[in-house]
């Protein structure tokens, strides 16, 4: 398993946190995610053999936010 923190732009409330975590939870291979709208981050534990950082970025974008590089 891999743990990685992603910077997410645009989160500002608990609903934002829930939306990001919900989309990430749909990915097969994501064990857990913890978004922090105050810090603008999401910590993700995932199986890199089953999900890529690109998949994670796409899920965050699907929730309506942007992963900062």
N, C-alpha and C. Protein backbone atom coordinates (compact mmCIF):
# COMPACT_ATOMS: atom_id res chain seq x y z
N UNK A 1 0.83 -1.19 0.00
CA UNK A 1 0.00 0.00 0.00
C UNK A 1 0.87 1.25 0.00
N UNK A 2 0.37 2.26 -0.64
CA UNK A 2 1.07 3.54 -0.75
C UNK A 2 0.25 4.62 -0.07
N UNK A 3 0.92 5.48 0.69
CA UNK A 3 0.28 6.65 1.29
C UNK A 3 0.82 7.88 0.59
N UNK A 4 -0.09 8.75 0.14
CA UNK A 4 0.34 9.96 -0.54
C UNK A 4 -0.63 11.08 -0.21
N UNK A 5 -0.07 12.28 -0.07
CA UNK A 5 -0.89 13.47 0.17
C UNK A 5 -0.93 14.31 -1.10
N UNK A 6 -2.13 14.68 -1.50
CA UNK A 6 -2.34 15.50 -2.68
C UNK A 6 -2.85 16.87 -2.25
N UNK A 7 -2.37 17.93 -2.90
CA UNK A 7 -2.89 19.27 -2.66
C UNK A 7 -4.11 19.47 -3.54
N UNK A 8 -5.21 19.88 -2.92
CA UNK A 8 -6.47 20.03 -3.64
C UNK A 8 -6.93 21.49 -3.54
N UNK A 9 -7.17 22.09 -4.69
CA UNK A 9 -7.62 23.48 -4.73
C UNK A 9 -9.14 23.54 -4.79
N UNK A 10 -9.71 24.47 -4.02
CA UNK A 10 -11.15 24.73 -4.13
C UNK A 10 -12.00 24.19 -3.00
N UNK A 11 -11.45 23.35 -2.13
CA UNK A 11 -12.25 22.84 -1.01
C UNK A 11 -12.39 23.93 0.05
N UNK A 12 -13.61 24.10 0.58
CA UNK A 12 -13.81 25.15 1.57
C UNK A 12 -14.75 24.78 2.71
N UNK A 13 -15.27 23.53 2.70
CA UNK A 13 -16.23 23.18 3.74
C UNK A 13 -16.32 21.65 3.90
N UNK A 14 -17.14 21.25 4.85
CA UNK A 14 -17.34 19.82 5.09
C UNK A 14 -17.95 19.10 3.91
N UNK A 15 -18.81 19.78 3.16
CA UNK A 15 -19.40 19.16 1.98
C UNK A 15 -18.32 18.86 0.94
N UNK A 16 -17.36 19.77 0.80
CA UNK A 16 -16.24 19.57 -0.12
C UNK A 16 -15.46 18.31 0.28
N UNK A 17 -15.16 18.21 1.57
CA UNK A 17 -14.44 17.06 2.11
C UNK A 17 -15.19 15.77 1.76
N UNK A 18 -16.49 15.76 2.03
CA UNK A 18 -17.31 14.57 1.78
C UNK A 18 -17.34 14.22 0.29
N UNK A 19 -17.44 15.22 -0.57
CA UNK A 19 -17.51 14.97 -2.01
C UNK A 19 -16.22 14.32 -2.52
N UNK A 20 -15.08 14.84 -2.08
CA UNK A 20 -13.79 14.30 -2.51
C UNK A 20 -13.63 12.87 -1.99
N UNK A 21 -13.92 12.65 -0.72
CA UNK A 21 -13.78 11.31 -0.14
C UNK A 21 -14.73 10.31 -0.79
N UNK A 22 -15.93 10.77 -1.14
CA UNK A 22 -16.90 9.87 -1.79
C UNK A 22 -16.39 9.41 -3.15
N UNK A 23 -15.89 10.35 -3.95
CA UNK A 23 -15.38 9.98 -5.28
C UNK A 23 -14.18 9.06 -5.17
N UNK A 24 -13.28 9.34 -4.25
CA UNK A 24 -12.11 8.47 -4.07
C UNK A 24 -12.53 7.09 -3.59
N UNK A 25 -13.56 7.02 -2.78
CA UNK A 25 -14.06 5.74 -2.28
C UNK A 25 -14.62 4.84 -3.37
N UNK A 26 -14.96 5.42 -4.50
CA UNK A 26 -15.48 4.63 -5.62
C UNK A 26 -14.38 3.89 -6.37
N UNK A 27 -13.13 4.30 -6.16
CA UNK A 27 -12.01 3.68 -6.88
C UNK A 27 -11.62 2.36 -6.23
N UNK A 28 -11.58 1.32 -7.04
CA UNK A 28 -11.10 0.03 -6.57
C UNK A 28 -9.60 0.15 -6.32
N UNK A 29 -9.20 -0.14 -5.12
CA UNK A 29 -7.78 -0.03 -4.80
C UNK A 29 -7.48 1.08 -3.80
N UNK A 30 -8.46 1.98 -3.57
CA UNK A 30 -8.29 3.00 -2.54
C UNK A 30 -8.79 2.43 -1.22
N UNK A 31 -7.87 2.31 -0.26
CA UNK A 31 -8.23 1.75 1.05
C UNK A 31 -8.91 2.80 1.92
N UNK A 32 -8.36 4.03 1.89
CA UNK A 32 -8.97 5.10 2.67
C UNK A 32 -8.51 6.44 2.12
N UNK A 33 -9.30 7.47 2.44
CA UNK A 33 -8.92 8.84 2.10
C UNK A 33 -9.39 9.75 3.20
N UNK A 34 -8.63 10.82 3.42
CA UNK A 34 -8.97 11.80 4.44
C UNK A 34 -8.67 13.19 3.90
N UNK A 35 -9.74 13.88 3.50
CA UNK A 35 -9.58 15.23 2.98
C UNK A 35 -9.61 16.23 4.13
N UNK A 36 -8.82 17.28 4.01
CA UNK A 36 -8.78 18.35 5.01
C UNK A 36 -8.93 19.67 4.25
N UNK A 37 -10.16 20.24 4.29
CA UNK A 37 -10.41 21.45 3.51
C UNK A 37 -9.65 22.65 4.06
N UNK A 38 -9.34 22.66 5.35
CA UNK A 38 -8.59 23.78 5.92
C UNK A 38 -7.14 23.81 5.40
N UNK A 39 -6.55 22.63 5.25
CA UNK A 39 -5.18 22.54 4.72
C UNK A 39 -5.16 22.48 3.20
N UNK A 40 -6.29 22.12 2.60
CA UNK A 40 -6.34 21.97 1.15
C UNK A 40 -5.63 20.71 0.68
N UNK A 41 -5.76 19.64 1.47
CA UNK A 41 -5.08 18.38 1.12
C UNK A 41 -6.04 17.20 1.23
N UNK A 42 -5.64 16.11 0.61
CA UNK A 42 -6.30 14.83 0.83
C UNK A 42 -5.21 13.77 0.93
N UNK A 43 -5.26 13.00 2.00
CA UNK A 43 -4.34 11.89 2.20
C UNK A 43 -5.04 10.63 1.70
N UNK A 44 -4.33 9.87 0.87
CA UNK A 44 -4.93 8.68 0.26
C UNK A 44 -4.01 7.49 0.50
N UNK A 45 -4.60 6.38 0.96
CA UNK A 45 -3.89 5.11 1.05
C UNK A 45 -4.47 4.23 -0.04
N UNK A 46 -3.59 3.79 -0.95
CA UNK A 46 -4.08 3.03 -2.10
C UNK A 46 -3.07 1.97 -2.53
N UNK A 47 -3.60 1.00 -3.28
CA UNK A 47 -2.79 -0.07 -3.85
C UNK A 47 -2.35 0.39 -5.24
N UNK A 48 -1.05 0.71 -5.37
CA UNK A 48 -0.56 1.27 -6.64
C UNK A 48 -0.62 0.27 -7.79
N UNK A 49 -0.90 -0.99 -7.50
CA UNK A 49 -1.07 -1.98 -8.57
C UNK A 49 -2.48 -1.93 -9.14
N UNK A 50 -3.41 -1.30 -8.40
CA UNK A 50 -4.81 -1.28 -8.83
C UNK A 50 -5.31 0.11 -9.20
N UNK A 51 -4.64 1.15 -8.71
CA UNK A 51 -5.09 2.51 -8.99
C UNK A 51 -3.85 3.41 -9.15
N UNK A 52 -3.93 4.36 -10.08
CA UNK A 52 -2.80 5.25 -10.34
C UNK A 52 -3.06 6.64 -9.76
N UNK A 53 -2.01 7.44 -9.70
CA UNK A 53 -2.21 8.82 -9.25
C UNK A 53 -3.10 9.57 -10.24
N UNK A 54 -3.06 9.19 -11.49
CA UNK A 54 -3.95 9.78 -12.50
C UNK A 54 -5.41 9.47 -12.19
N UNK A 55 -5.68 8.23 -11.76
CA UNK A 55 -7.04 7.85 -11.38
C UNK A 55 -7.51 8.70 -10.20
N UNK A 56 -6.61 8.91 -9.24
CA UNK A 56 -6.95 9.70 -8.05
C UNK A 56 -7.22 11.14 -8.46
N UNK A 57 -6.38 11.70 -9.31
CA UNK A 57 -6.58 13.06 -9.79
C UNK A 57 -7.92 13.18 -10.51
N UNK A 58 -8.24 12.22 -11.35
CA UNK A 58 -9.52 12.25 -12.07
C UNK A 58 -10.71 12.20 -11.12
N UNK A 59 -10.60 11.40 -10.05
CA UNK A 59 -11.69 11.29 -9.08
C UNK A 59 -11.90 12.62 -8.35
N UNK A 60 -10.80 13.28 -8.00
CA UNK A 60 -10.90 14.59 -7.34
C UNK A 60 -11.56 15.60 -8.30
N UNK A 61 -11.17 15.55 -9.56
CA UNK A 61 -11.76 16.45 -10.55
C UNK A 61 -13.23 16.13 -10.76
N UNK A 62 -13.60 14.86 -10.70
CA UNK A 62 -14.99 14.46 -10.82
C UNK A 62 -15.83 15.04 -9.68
N UNK A 63 -15.21 15.20 -8.53
CA UNK A 63 -15.89 15.80 -7.38
C UNK A 63 -16.00 17.31 -7.52
N UNK A 64 -15.29 17.89 -8.49
CA UNK A 64 -15.40 19.31 -8.74
C UNK A 64 -14.21 20.14 -8.28
N UNK A 65 -13.09 19.50 -7.99
CA UNK A 65 -11.93 20.20 -7.46
C UNK A 65 -10.70 19.90 -8.31
N UNK A 66 -9.62 20.57 -8.04
CA UNK A 66 -8.41 20.43 -8.84
C UNK A 66 -7.25 19.98 -7.98
N UNK A 67 -6.48 19.01 -8.47
CA UNK A 67 -5.26 18.60 -7.79
C UNK A 67 -4.15 19.52 -8.26
N UNK A 68 -3.54 20.22 -7.30
CA UNK A 68 -2.45 21.15 -7.63
C UNK A 68 -1.17 20.38 -7.82
N UNK A 69 -0.34 20.83 -8.76
CA UNK A 69 0.94 20.17 -8.99
C UNK A 69 2.06 20.88 -8.28
